[in-house]
Amino acid sequence: MLSAHPAGPFSHRVAGLPRLGIGVSTEYGAARSPGSLDVFALAHAHPRFAAFLEVGIEVGKGLDDDARRWVAQGRPATYHFLDVNLDDAADELDDDWLASVRDTVQVLQPAWLCGDAGLWHFGRRDRGHMLLLPPILVDDAATDFASGVRRLAAATGCEVLPENPPGTVFVGDLHVLEFFTRVCERADCGMLLDVAHLAMFQHVTGRGLFDDIAFPWERVVEVHVAGTSERLVDGFSVVDDSHTAQVSAATWSLFEHVVARARNLKAVVFECERNRNDDVIEAFERIARIWSP
């Protein structure tokens, strides 16, 4: 399932990417937590909802037994990085980190690499250091992130899809979609668009749900759907990226909007790894009604 080394324009490369369908996400040890999703039971009972597994990876931890069992069965997967700042050339070109990434790619054989294009750590990368702040939404940062996408693609031989991160505070003069438009055009890459994160951005920046919603939709290869939780902090309404089974009306509306426009959409992930199987079926069924792989 490993992608060929990215070559040629994205408009040509995207045709060669596999259409994965609807899948689920996980990270190291998630399936062993009480009340968490059993992806193998989901794949057996509802195979169309577990057509692939998106594996969240910190190279310091590697792949857990469940991820290894999944790929040993020949099932499709994607590699979601949880430990690299793409805007820092020294970070993603660290020899030890890249060696571990390549080793993991050989085992996982991912359809592509993807991950939140934000700040996963501050200062030196260290095991378990998962900060995840959104990028500074300015033009220079878009150029830096685009360079990181190109370097990581060249170093791994995989297509790399940046994702819009969550956040409760965003700094910079660009709308998050304008920022990632510049990243994708300068890197000539596709996009993993998280519609729950986009709904969070619209909310915390005081915009209407569809205000300034413009993007080169043909670059959207993957979409994430997830449940969120709203809470008040000193009178300020924030939305947490809690991955509950309850998806907000705003997220569903944005999902429908994007799906109707993303002609190169290959994969949709419902991020629900810490919910019981019976609790997530309704949302999966709604995803399938909106988007048929």
Protein backbone atom coordinates (compact mmCIF):
# COMPACT_ATOMS: atom_id res chain seq x y z
CA MET A 1 0.00 0.00 0.00
CA LEU A 2 3.07 2.25 0.24
CA SER A 3 2.87 5.24 -2.09
CA ALA A 4 5.44 5.73 -4.80
CA HIS A 5 7.88 8.58 -4.30
CA PRO A 6 5.85 11.75 -4.92
CA ALA A 7 6.64 13.00 -8.43
CA GLY A 8 4.89 15.27 -10.86
CA PRO A 9 2.14 17.77 -9.98
CA PHE A 10 -0.42 16.98 -7.32
CA SER A 11 -3.18 17.07 -9.92
CA HIS A 12 -1.57 13.96 -11.47
CA ARG A 13 -0.37 12.28 -8.26
CA VAL A 14 -3.76 12.34 -6.59
CA ALA A 15 -5.19 10.00 -9.21
CA GLY A 16 -2.77 7.31 -8.02
CA LEU A 17 -3.74 7.51 -4.36
CA PRO A 18 -5.99 4.68 -3.16
CA ARG A 19 -9.63 5.30 -2.30
CA LEU A 20 -9.64 4.02 1.27
CA GLY A 21 -13.24 4.68 2.27
CA ILE A 22 -14.37 5.20 5.86
CA GLY A 23 -11.97 4.42 8.66
CA VAL A 24 -11.06 4.94 12.29
CA SER A 25 -8.10 6.39 14.12
CA THR A 26 -6.00 5.11 16.98
CA GLU A 27 -2.78 5.85 18.82
CA TYR A 28 -0.40 3.84 20.99
CA GLY A 29 -2.33 1.93 23.65
CA ALA A 30 -5.70 3.56 22.91
CA ALA A 31 -7.53 0.29 22.28
CA ARG A 32 -6.47 -1.11 25.66
CA SER A 33 -8.07 1.69 27.69
CA PRO A 34 -11.38 0.84 29.41
CA GLY A 35 -14.39 1.70 27.27
CA SER A 36 -12.37 2.17 24.10
CA LEU A 37 -13.17 1.16 20.55
CA ASP A 38 -12.39 -2.40 19.47
CA VAL A 39 -11.37 -1.86 15.84
CA PHE A 40 -11.27 -5.58 15.06
CA ALA A 41 -14.80 -6.10 16.35
CA LEU A 42 -15.91 -3.05 14.36
CA ALA A 43 -14.25 -4.39 11.21
CA HIS A 44 -15.98 -7.75 11.70
CA ALA A 45 -19.45 -6.38 12.44
CA HIS A 46 -19.35 -3.27 10.23
CA PRO A 47 -16.51 -3.61 7.71
CA ARG A 48 -17.51 -0.51 5.75
CA PHE A 49 -16.85 1.60 8.89
CA ALA A 50 -13.36 0.19 9.44
CA ALA A 51 -12.04 0.03 5.90
CA PHE A 52 -8.69 1.36 7.11
CA LEU A 53 -6.89 2.38 10.29
CA GLU A 54 -5.22 5.74 10.80
CA VAL A 55 -2.37 5.11 13.22
CA GLY A 56 -1.22 8.04 15.35
CA ILE A 57 2.52 7.63 15.86
CA GLU A 58 5.21 9.03 18.10
CA VAL A 59 8.43 7.40 16.96
CA GLY A 60 9.59 7.15 20.56
CA LYS A 61 6.71 4.72 21.18
CA GLY A 62 6.38 3.13 17.75
CA LEU A 63 3.54 0.76 16.86
CA ASP A 64 1.55 -1.05 19.52
CA ASP A 65 0.45 -4.69 19.24
CA ASP A 66 -2.98 -3.78 17.87
CA ALA A 67 -1.54 -1.70 15.02
CA ARG A 68 0.93 -4.48 14.19
CA ARG A 69 -1.86 -7.05 14.23
CA TRP A 70 -3.91 -4.85 11.88
CA VAL A 71 -1.17 -4.53 9.27
CA ALA A 72 -0.14 -8.19 9.67
CA GLN A 73 -3.63 -9.04 8.43
CA GLY A 74 -2.95 -7.03 5.27
CA ARG A 75 -5.39 -4.27 6.18
CA PRO A 76 -4.92 -0.70 4.83
CA ALA A 77 -3.50 2.02 7.06
CA THR A 78 -2.29 5.59 7.10
CA TYR A 79 0.50 7.12 9.22
CA HIS A 80 -0.58 10.11 11.36
CA PHE A 81 2.48 11.79 12.90
CA LEU A 82 2.18 13.13 16.45
CA ASP A 83 5.69 14.42 17.04
CA VAL A 84 7.06 16.75 14.34
CA ASN A 85 7.01 20.51 13.77
CA LEU A 86 6.93 20.78 9.99
CA ASP A 87 7.94 24.43 10.05
CA ASP A 88 11.32 23.55 11.61
CA ALA A 89 13.80 22.19 9.07
CA ALA A 90 16.07 20.79 11.76
CA ASP A 91 13.16 18.96 13.38
CA GLU A 92 11.85 16.77 10.57
CA LEU A 93 15.31 16.20 9.13
CA ASP A 94 16.74 14.85 12.38
CA ASP A 95 18.56 11.68 11.31
CA ASP A 96 17.39 9.48 14.18
CA TRP A 97 13.78 10.57 13.84
CA LEU A 98 13.75 10.05 10.07
CA ALA A 99 15.32 6.63 10.43
CA SER A 100 12.56 5.61 12.83
CA VAL A 101 9.90 7.05 10.52
CA ARG A 102 11.26 5.05 7.58
CA ASP A 103 11.35 1.88 9.68
CA THR A 104 7.73 2.42 10.72
CA VAL A 105 6.69 3.14 7.14
CA GLN A 106 8.19 -0.18 6.05
CA VAL A 107 6.07 -2.03 8.62
CA LEU A 108 2.88 0.00 8.28
CA GLN A 109 2.98 0.41 4.48
CA PRO A 110 0.74 3.48 4.74
CA ALA A 111 -1.27 4.88 1.88
CA TRP A 112 0.15 8.29 2.92
CA LEU A 113 1.53 10.29 5.83
CA CYS A 114 -0.61 12.97 7.49
CA GLY A 115 -0.83 14.95 10.67
CA ASP A 116 -1.65 18.25 12.30
CA ALA A 117 0.57 20.99 10.88
CA GLY A 118 1.10 22.75 14.18
CA LEU A 119 3.58 22.75 17.03
CA TRP A 120 3.81 19.30 18.60
CA HIS A 121 6.57 20.33 20.98
CA PHE A 122 8.37 23.43 22.23
CA GLY A 123 12.14 23.21 22.25
CA ARG A 124 13.83 19.82 21.93
CA ARG A 125 11.63 16.90 20.92
CA ASP A 126 11.23 14.45 23.79
CA ARG A 127 9.25 11.26 24.36
CA GLY A 128 5.66 11.99 25.28
CA HIS A 129 6.02 15.71 24.60
CA MET A 130 2.70 16.30 22.82
CA LEU A 131 1.83 19.98 23.05
CA LEU A 132 0.00 20.65 19.74
CA LEU A 133 -0.53 24.36 19.31
CA PRO A 134 -1.91 25.73 16.04
CA PRO A 135 0.50 27.43 13.64
CA ILE A 136 0.93 31.19 13.59
CA LEU A 137 -1.44 32.15 10.78
CA VAL A 138 0.88 34.41 8.78
CA ASP A 139 2.36 34.12 5.31
CA ASP A 140 5.96 33.36 6.38
CA ALA A 141 4.78 30.43 8.49
CA ALA A 142 2.83 29.03 5.53
CA THR A 143 6.05 29.03 3.51
CA ASP A 144 7.92 27.25 6.32
CA PHE A 145 5.25 24.56 6.69
CA ALA A 146 5.14 24.03 2.92
CA SER A 147 8.90 23.48 2.92
CA GLY A 148 8.51 20.92 5.70
CA VAL A 149 5.84 19.03 3.77
CA ARG A 150 8.09 18.85 0.70
CA ARG A 151 11.11 17.72 2.71
CA LEU A 152 9.20 15.01 4.57
CA ALA A 153 7.68 13.71 1.34
CA ALA A 154 11.08 13.54 -0.31
CA ALA A 155 12.68 11.87 2.72
CA THR A 156 10.02 9.16 3.11
CA GLY A 157 8.77 8.58 -0.42
CA CYS A 158 5.19 9.10 0.77
CA GLU A 159 2.56 11.67 0.00
CA VAL A 160 2.25 14.04 2.99
CA LEU A 161 -1.10 15.64 3.85
CA PRO A 162 -1.02 18.50 6.39
CA GLU A 163 -4.02 18.82 8.71
CA ASN A 164 -5.56 21.94 10.23
CA PRO A 165 -4.99 21.62 14.02
CA PRO A 166 -7.46 22.35 16.82
CA GLY A 167 -7.08 25.34 19.08
CA THR A 168 -8.82 27.62 21.54
CA VAL A 169 -6.70 30.64 20.56
CA PHE A 170 -5.35 31.46 17.10
CA VAL A 171 -2.76 34.11 16.33
CA GLY A 172 -2.16 35.71 12.94
CA ASP A 173 -3.94 37.68 10.23
CA LEU A 174 -5.00 34.79 7.96
CA HIS A 175 -8.09 32.63 8.08
CA VAL A 176 -7.02 29.03 8.76
CA LEU A 177 -8.25 27.95 5.31
CA GLU A 178 -6.33 30.76 3.60
CA PHE A 179 -3.23 29.69 5.55
CA PHE A 180 -3.56 26.09 4.40
CA THR A 181 -4.39 27.15 0.87
CA ARG A 182 -0.95 28.77 0.78
CA VAL A 183 0.69 25.73 2.40
CA CYS A 184 -0.86 23.31 -0.08
CA GLU A 185 -0.18 25.44 -3.15
CA ARG A 186 3.45 26.11 -2.17
CA ALA A 187 4.07 22.45 -1.29
CA ASP A 188 1.87 21.27 -4.17
CA CYS A 189 0.28 18.75 -1.83
CA GLY A 190 -3.10 17.50 -0.74
CA MET A 191 -4.89 18.28 2.51
CA LEU A 192 -6.36 16.44 5.45
CA LEU A 193 -9.23 18.71 6.44
CA ASP A 194 -10.62 18.23 9.95
CA VAL A 195 -14.12 19.69 9.88
CA ALA A 196 -14.47 19.55 13.67
CA HIS A 197 -11.29 21.63 14.00
CA LEU A 198 -12.62 24.02 11.35
CA ALA A 199 -15.88 24.43 13.27
CA MET A 200 -13.81 25.20 16.39
CA PHE A 201 -11.87 27.89 14.52
CA GLN A 202 -15.05 29.53 13.23
CA HIS A 203 -16.51 29.52 16.73
CA VAL A 204 -13.56 30.89 18.70
CA THR A 205 -12.82 33.60 16.11
CA GLY A 206 -16.41 34.84 16.26
CA ARG A 207 -17.29 33.96 12.68
CA GLY A 208 -20.47 32.53 11.30
CA LEU A 209 -20.17 28.88 10.35
CA PHE A 210 -19.64 29.55 6.65
CA ASP A 211 -17.89 32.92 6.85
CA ASP A 212 -14.70 32.95 4.73
CA ILE A 213 -15.05 29.24 3.92
CA ALA A 214 -13.03 29.07 0.72
CA PHE A 215 -10.42 26.49 -0.27
CA PRO A 216 -9.12 24.68 -3.38
CA TRP A 217 -11.39 21.73 -2.59
CA GLU A 218 -9.73 19.47 -5.17
CA ARG A 219 -6.76 19.27 -2.77
CA VAL A 220 -8.83 17.66 0.02
CA VAL A 221 -7.83 13.98 0.05
CA GLU A 222 -8.97 13.06 3.55
CA VAL A 223 -11.52 14.45 6.01
CA HIS A 224 -11.76 13.97 9.77
CA VAL A 225 -15.04 14.03 11.68
CA ALA A 226 -15.04 14.05 15.49
CA GLY A 227 -17.20 14.84 18.47
CA THR A 228 -16.45 17.97 20.49
CA SER A 229 -17.45 19.44 23.85
CA GLU A 230 -18.27 23.08 24.54
CA ARG A 231 -17.47 24.70 27.89
CA LEU A 232 -17.15 28.13 29.46
CA VAL A 233 -13.80 29.35 30.79
CA ASP A 234 -14.11 32.66 32.65
CA GLY A 235 -17.10 33.49 30.48
CA PHE A 236 -15.32 32.61 27.25
CA SER A 237 -16.90 29.81 25.22
CA VAL A 238 -14.36 27.27 23.99
CA VAL A 239 -14.75 23.97 22.19
CA ASP A 240 -12.62 20.98 23.19
CA ASP A 241 -11.44 18.41 20.65
CA SER A 242 -12.70 15.64 22.91
CA HIS A 243 -13.40 12.94 20.29
CA THR A 244 -16.71 12.01 21.87
CA ALA A 245 -19.34 10.09 19.91
CA GLN A 246 -21.56 13.20 19.81
CA VAL A 247 -20.76 15.22 16.68
CA SER A 248 -21.97 18.81 16.67
CA ALA A 249 -24.47 20.19 14.18
CA ALA A 250 -21.79 22.64 13.00
CA THR A 251 -19.37 19.81 12.22
CA TRP A 252 -22.02 17.88 10.29
CA SER A 253 -22.90 20.98 8.26
CA LEU A 254 -19.27 21.61 7.36
CA PHE A 255 -18.80 17.93 6.49
CA GLU A 256 -21.69 18.06 4.04
CA HIS A 257 -20.32 21.30 2.56
CA VAL A 258 -16.84 19.87 2.03
CA VAL A 259 -17.94 16.47 0.71
CA ALA A 260 -20.08 18.15 -1.94
CA ARG A 261 -16.99 19.97 -3.27
CA ALA A 262 -14.02 17.65 -2.66
CA ARG A 263 -13.88 15.67 -5.89
CA ASN A 264 -10.60 13.96 -4.91
CA LEU A 265 -11.76 12.83 -1.48
CA LYS A 266 -10.33 9.36 -0.81
CA ALA A 267 -10.86 8.79 2.90
CA VAL A 268 -12.98 9.85 5.86
CA VAL A 269 -11.97 9.11 9.45
CA PHE A 270 -14.33 9.22 12.41
CA GLU A 271 -12.06 9.94 15.38
CA CYS A 272 -13.78 7.98 18.13
CA GLU A 273 -11.07 5.73 19.55
CA ARG A 274 -12.07 6.20 23.19
CA ASN A 275 -15.74 5.30 22.82
CA ARG A 276 -17.54 1.96 23.01
CA ASN A 277 -18.42 0.33 19.69
CA ASP A 278 -22.17 0.51 20.21
CA ASP A 279 -21.97 4.25 20.87
CA VAL A 280 -20.37 5.20 17.53
CA ILE A 281 -22.48 3.33 14.96
CA GLU A 282 -25.06 6.08 14.56
CA ALA A 283 -22.38 8.62 13.59
CA PHE A 284 -20.74 6.17 11.21
CA GLU A 285 -24.09 5.56 9.54
CA ARG A 286 -24.58 9.30 9.09
CA ILE A 287 -21.10 9.64 7.56
CA ALA A 288 -21.96 6.85 5.12
CA ARG A 289 -25.23 8.55 4.14
CA ILE A 290 -23.38 11.80 3.38
CA TRP A 291 -20.36 10.25 1.63
CA SER A 292 -20.38 6.95 -0.19
CA PRO A 293 -16.83 5.73 -0.93
